[in-house]
């Protein structure tokens, strides 16, 4: 395995901001020399990035044959669009170094949990608009994602909102910008193919966040696969003993999400 750090900081980034790349080595006599990459954004309400949704998740995708990257983006007191620009910088770096890192640049997928899913979803809405490519002095094409994977995502403001995430993200500009970042209202043809999963009894980020976003995707003609599991508290991650804090995030009902994502990716990547 190849493991190294990627510099994604901008002028507003916090000192602890980092990105890590987990790369497959070529296997002798196996004719695969470029692979898809899964870029992972952990959750944490824009207040921290969760260890339980970071490297342990990357290693699952590495075992499936993908490359993976983890973004430890800037959280509060950093505000929008600091983390978004960091994610754009990571995507740009992967595109620029695709040949060197043996990445299939047409198979770059973004995966986010909770507030990290809001970050991924924001990028999927805004990557084409120009302000990110201008800030990074790169082409819009270098920011293009192939798809997004949203795990119990924070999506909307107003009713059903996880207000803590938006207040941490926007701080003094909460009232001014909250509608702009209610992402069920920002679906366009820029948004790539999407996989979403959530649990019905999520008490922190209501399932309506996913339901309303799925509806918006369908209305816009964006391909979407959506899985709603009956039980499971917010922040399940893998839903097993590897990622539980006190046993209450072990949820066998929801554990199949990872296999379902693999099936979804396989239909696109051939793995």
Protein backbone atom coordinates (compact mmCIF):
# COMPACT_ATOMS: atom_id res chain seq x y z
CA UNK A 1 0.00 0.00 0.00
CA UNK A 2 1.14 3.54 -0.75
CA UNK A 3 0.29 6.07 1.94
CA UNK A 4 1.09 9.77 1.86
CA UNK A 5 -0.24 13.19 2.83
CA UNK A 6 -1.57 15.78 0.37
CA UNK A 7 -1.45 19.52 1.03
CA UNK A 8 -4.93 21.02 0.58
CA UNK A 9 -4.72 24.06 2.84
CA UNK A 10 -5.83 27.52 1.85
CA UNK A 11 -5.35 30.85 3.61
CA UNK A 12 -8.27 30.20 5.99
CA UNK A 13 -7.47 26.56 6.79
CA UNK A 14 -6.84 25.45 10.35
CA UNK A 15 -3.39 24.02 11.21
CA UNK A 16 -4.75 20.49 11.70
CA UNK A 17 -6.22 20.30 8.19
CA UNK A 18 -4.82 17.29 6.33
CA UNK A 19 -5.61 14.91 3.49
CA UNK A 20 -4.32 11.37 3.22
CA UNK A 21 -4.08 9.08 0.18
CA UNK A 22 -4.28 5.30 0.50
CA UNK A 23 -3.11 3.73 -2.75
CA UNK A 24 -3.12 0.20 -4.08
CA UNK A 25 0.18 -1.18 -5.31
CA UNK A 26 0.19 -2.91 -8.69
CA UNK A 27 -0.13 -6.68 -8.38
CA UNK A 28 2.15 -8.73 -10.60
CA UNK A 29 0.31 -10.30 -13.55
CA UNK A 30 -2.92 -8.39 -12.78
CA UNK A 31 -3.61 -6.01 -15.70
CA UNK A 32 -5.08 -3.18 -13.63
CA UNK A 33 -2.87 -0.10 -13.66
CA UNK A 34 -5.35 2.65 -12.81
CA UNK A 35 -8.14 2.42 -10.29
CA UNK A 36 -11.15 4.41 -9.10
CA UNK A 37 -10.65 6.53 -5.99
CA UNK A 38 -13.08 7.16 -3.14
CA UNK A 39 -12.61 10.54 -1.40
CA UNK A 40 -14.00 10.35 2.14
CA UNK A 41 -15.23 13.30 4.23
CA UNK A 42 -16.00 12.29 7.84
CA UNK A 43 -18.86 13.84 9.76
CA UNK A 44 -18.83 15.78 13.00
CA UNK A 45 -21.31 18.64 12.66
CA UNK A 46 -18.65 20.93 11.14
CA UNK A 47 -17.14 20.99 14.65
CA UNK A 48 -14.64 18.12 14.19
CA UNK A 49 -13.98 15.23 11.80
CA UNK A 50 -14.89 11.84 13.25
CA UNK A 51 -12.17 9.20 13.56
CA UNK A 52 -14.87 6.53 13.23
CA UNK A 53 -15.72 7.73 9.71
CA UNK A 54 -12.18 8.22 8.41
CA UNK A 55 -9.33 5.73 8.00
CA UNK A 56 -11.36 2.68 9.03
CA UNK A 57 -13.75 3.44 6.15
CA UNK A 58 -10.91 4.07 3.70
CA UNK A 59 -9.49 0.63 4.50
CA UNK A 60 -12.80 -1.03 3.60
CA UNK A 61 -12.64 0.46 0.10
CA UNK A 62 -8.95 -0.35 -0.20
CA UNK A 63 -9.83 -3.99 0.46
CA UNK A 64 -12.38 -3.84 -2.37
CA UNK A 65 -9.66 -2.79 -4.82
CA UNK A 66 -10.16 0.99 -4.88
CA UNK A 67 -7.78 3.76 -3.95
CA UNK A 68 -9.07 5.96 -1.12
CA UNK A 69 -8.40 9.41 0.29
CA UNK A 70 -9.52 10.97 3.58
CA UNK A 71 -9.99 14.71 4.02
CA UNK A 72 -9.64 16.10 7.54
CA UNK A 73 -11.18 19.43 6.55
CA UNK A 74 -11.28 22.63 8.59
CA UNK A 75 -14.19 22.89 11.01
CA UNK A 76 -15.37 25.65 13.36
CA UNK A 77 -14.05 28.29 13.91
CA UNK A 78 -13.28 28.05 10.17
CA UNK A 79 -16.35 28.97 8.14
CA UNK A 80 -17.77 28.45 4.65
CA UNK A 81 -16.25 28.07 2.06
CA UNK A 82 -12.96 27.01 3.71
CA UNK A 83 -13.71 23.27 3.84
CA UNK A 84 -15.29 23.36 0.39
CA UNK A 85 -12.14 24.88 -1.09
CA UNK A 86 -10.05 22.21 0.69
CA UNK A 87 -12.15 19.46 -0.87
CA UNK A 88 -11.78 21.12 -4.27
CA UNK A 89 -8.00 21.26 -3.76
CA UNK A 90 -7.91 17.54 -2.98
CA UNK A 91 -9.97 16.67 -6.06
CA UNK A 92 -7.71 18.88 -8.19
CA UNK A 93 -4.56 17.23 -6.83
CA UNK A 94 -5.91 13.77 -7.59
CA UNK A 95 -6.78 14.83 -11.14
CA UNK A 96 -3.37 16.44 -11.68
CA UNK A 97 -1.46 13.44 -10.33
CA UNK A 98 -3.77 10.74 -11.70
CA UNK A 99 -1.12 9.10 -13.88
CA UNK A 100 1.52 9.16 -11.14
CA UNK A 101 -0.87 7.83 -8.49
CA UNK A 102 -2.45 5.33 -10.91
CA UNK A 103 -5.92 6.82 -10.54
CA UNK A 104 -8.63 6.62 -13.19
CA UNK A 105 -9.49 10.32 -13.25
CA UNK A 106 -12.92 9.55 -14.74
CA UNK A 107 -13.78 7.43 -11.69
CA UNK A 108 -13.43 9.83 -8.76
CA UNK A 109 -16.21 9.36 -6.22
CA UNK A 110 -16.94 11.49 -3.17
CA UNK A 111 -18.28 9.90 0.03
CA UNK A 112 -19.47 11.84 3.06
CA UNK A 113 -21.04 11.14 6.43
CA UNK A 114 -23.51 13.55 8.07
CA UNK A 115 -21.97 17.06 7.86
CA UNK A 116 -19.22 15.54 5.68
CA UNK A 117 -22.03 14.49 3.34
CA UNK A 118 -23.21 18.10 3.30
CA UNK A 119 -19.69 19.08 2.27
CA UNK A 120 -19.67 16.46 -0.50
CA UNK A 121 -23.14 17.48 -1.62
CA UNK A 122 -22.12 21.16 -1.66
CA UNK A 123 -19.18 20.33 -3.88
CA UNK A 124 -21.44 18.32 -6.20
CA UNK A 125 -23.69 21.36 -6.56
CA UNK A 126 -21.01 24.04 -6.91
CA UNK A 127 -17.99 22.48 -8.68
CA UNK A 128 -19.10 23.84 -12.06
CA UNK A 129 -19.86 27.40 -10.98
CA UNK A 130 -16.34 28.80 -11.38
CA UNK A 131 -15.55 30.29 -7.97
CA UNK A 132 -13.76 27.10 -6.87
CA UNK A 133 -11.71 26.67 -10.05
CA UNK A 134 -10.85 30.39 -9.99
CA UNK A 135 -9.66 30.21 -6.38
CA UNK A 136 -7.43 27.22 -7.24
CA UNK A 137 -6.29 28.43 -10.68
CA UNK A 138 -7.39 25.19 -12.28
CA UNK A 139 -9.86 24.13 -14.95
CA UNK A 140 -13.42 23.24 -14.06
CA UNK A 141 -12.83 19.83 -15.65
CA UNK A 142 -10.18 19.09 -13.00
CA UNK A 143 -12.90 19.29 -10.33
CA UNK A 144 -15.39 16.95 -11.97
CA UNK A 145 -16.68 14.11 -9.73
CA UNK A 146 -18.02 10.86 -11.17
CA UNK A 147 -20.51 10.35 -8.35
CA UNK A 148 -21.37 11.00 -4.73
CA UNK A 149 -22.16 8.67 -1.83
CA UNK A 150 -24.12 10.30 1.00
CA UNK A 151 -24.40 8.57 4.38
CA UNK A 152 -27.15 9.96 6.68
CA UNK A 153 -26.56 13.38 5.13
CA UNK A 154 -27.18 16.85 6.48
CA UNK A 155 -28.94 18.52 3.55
CA UNK A 156 -31.41 21.24 4.44
CA UNK A 157 -32.09 24.27 6.58
CA UNK A 158 -35.45 25.17 8.07
CA UNK A 159 -37.76 22.33 9.01
CA UNK A 160 -35.89 19.04 9.62
CA UNK A 161 -32.53 20.85 9.75
CA UNK A 162 -29.57 19.88 11.88
CA UNK A 163 -29.10 23.49 12.92
CA UNK A 164 -25.86 22.88 14.79
CA UNK A 165 -24.07 21.94 11.57
CA UNK A 166 -25.21 25.08 9.76
CA UNK A 167 -24.39 27.37 12.68
CA UNK A 168 -20.89 25.88 12.95
CA UNK A 169 -20.40 26.20 9.19
CA UNK A 170 -21.74 29.75 8.80
CA UNK A 171 -21.23 31.38 12.22
CA UNK A 172 -22.12 35.08 11.91
CA UNK A 173 -23.40 34.57 8.35
CA UNK A 174 -25.94 31.92 9.33
CA UNK A 175 -29.03 33.98 8.56
CA UNK A 176 -27.55 35.42 5.38
CA UNK A 177 -26.34 32.17 3.79
CA UNK A 178 -28.41 29.35 5.23
CA UNK A 179 -30.83 29.22 2.29
CA UNK A 180 -27.95 29.14 -0.19
CA UNK A 181 -26.66 25.97 1.49
CA UNK A 182 -29.99 24.17 1.76
CA UNK A 183 -28.94 21.72 -0.90
CA UNK A 184 -32.26 20.21 -1.93
CA UNK A 185 -32.74 23.63 -3.57
CA UNK A 186 -29.38 23.53 -5.39
CA UNK A 187 -29.80 20.43 -7.55
CA UNK A 188 -28.84 20.96 -11.20
CA UNK A 189 -27.33 18.99 -14.04
CA UNK A 190 -23.94 19.50 -12.35
CA UNK A 191 -24.87 16.96 -9.66
CA UNK A 192 -23.45 13.52 -10.49
CA UNK A 193 -24.97 10.08 -10.00
CA UNK A 194 -25.82 9.61 -6.35
CA UNK A 195 -26.05 6.85 -3.75
CA UNK A 196 -27.76 7.69 -0.43
CA UNK A 197 -28.57 5.77 2.73
CA UNK A 198 -30.22 6.81 5.96
CA UNK A 199 -32.17 5.27 8.87
CA UNK A 200 -35.81 5.97 9.64
CA UNK A 201 -35.27 6.63 13.33
CA UNK A 202 -32.25 8.94 13.04
CA UNK A 203 -32.96 11.37 15.89
CA UNK A 204 -30.18 13.85 15.04
CA UNK A 205 -30.50 14.38 11.28
CA UNK A 206 -34.09 13.57 10.33
CA UNK A 207 -34.54 11.21 7.40
CA UNK A 208 -36.48 13.94 5.58
CA UNK A 209 -33.08 15.42 4.68
CA UNK A 210 -32.49 12.43 2.41
CA UNK A 211 -36.08 12.06 1.26
CA UNK A 212 -36.36 15.65 0.06
CA UNK A 213 -32.97 15.49 -1.65
CA UNK A 214 -33.89 12.26 -3.42
CA UNK A 215 -37.10 13.88 -4.62
CA UNK A 216 -35.13 16.83 -5.99
CA UNK A 217 -32.70 14.48 -7.77
CA UNK A 218 -35.54 12.53 -9.37
CA UNK A 219 -37.23 15.72 -10.54
CA UNK A 220 -33.92 16.85 -12.09
CA UNK A 221 -33.36 13.51 -13.81
CA UNK A 222 -30.21 12.69 -11.80
CA UNK A 223 -29.68 8.92 -11.38
CA UNK A 224 -30.04 8.01 -7.70
CA UNK A 225 -30.05 4.85 -5.60
CA UNK A 226 -31.55 5.28 -2.13
CA UNK A 227 -31.65 2.84 0.79
CA UNK A 228 -33.74 3.51 3.89
CA UNK A 229 -33.03 1.22 6.84
CA UNK A 230 -35.63 0.81 9.56
CA UNK A 231 -33.39 1.21 12.61
CA UNK A 232 -30.10 2.84 13.55
CA UNK A 233 -29.00 5.91 15.47
CA UNK A 234 -27.16 8.75 13.79
CA UNK A 235 -23.45 8.27 13.16
CA UNK A 236 -23.42 4.52 12.55
CA UNK A 237 -20.37 4.57 10.26
CA UNK A 238 -19.85 0.87 9.44
CA UNK A 239 -22.52 -0.10 11.95
CA UNK A 240 -20.34 -2.78 13.55
CA UNK A 241 -17.95 -3.26 16.48
CA UNK A 242 -15.09 -1.65 14.55
CA UNK A 243 -16.76 1.77 14.69
CA UNK A 244 -19.04 1.75 17.74
CA UNK A 245 -18.33 3.90 20.79
CA UNK A 246 -20.36 2.16 23.49
CA UNK A 247 -22.16 -0.55 21.54
CA UNK A 248 -25.08 1.62 20.49
CA UNK A 249 -23.77 2.03 16.94
CA UNK A 250 -23.82 -1.70 16.23
CA UNK A 251 -26.76 -2.06 13.87
CA UNK A 252 -26.88 -5.25 11.80
CA UNK A 253 -29.94 -3.90 10.01
CA UNK A 254 -27.83 -1.16 8.38
CA UNK A 255 -24.49 -2.94 7.93
CA UNK A 256 -25.32 -3.96 4.32
CA UNK A 257 -24.89 -0.34 3.16
CA UNK A 258 -21.22 -0.97 2.40
CA UNK A 259 -21.97 -3.98 0.20
CA UNK A 260 -24.72 -2.03 -1.53
CA UNK A 261 -22.28 0.81 -2.27
CA UNK A 262 -19.79 -1.70 -3.63
CA UNK A 263 -22.47 -3.11 -5.94
CA UNK A 264 -23.38 0.41 -7.06
CA UNK A 265 -19.74 1.25 -7.76
CA UNK A 266 -19.11 -2.06 -9.49
CA UNK A 267 -21.79 -1.31 -12.07
CA UNK A 268 -19.88 1.89 -12.92
CA UNK A 269 -16.27 0.83 -12.45
CA UNK A 270 -16.29 -2.83 -13.42
CA UNK A 271 -14.70 -3.95 -10.14
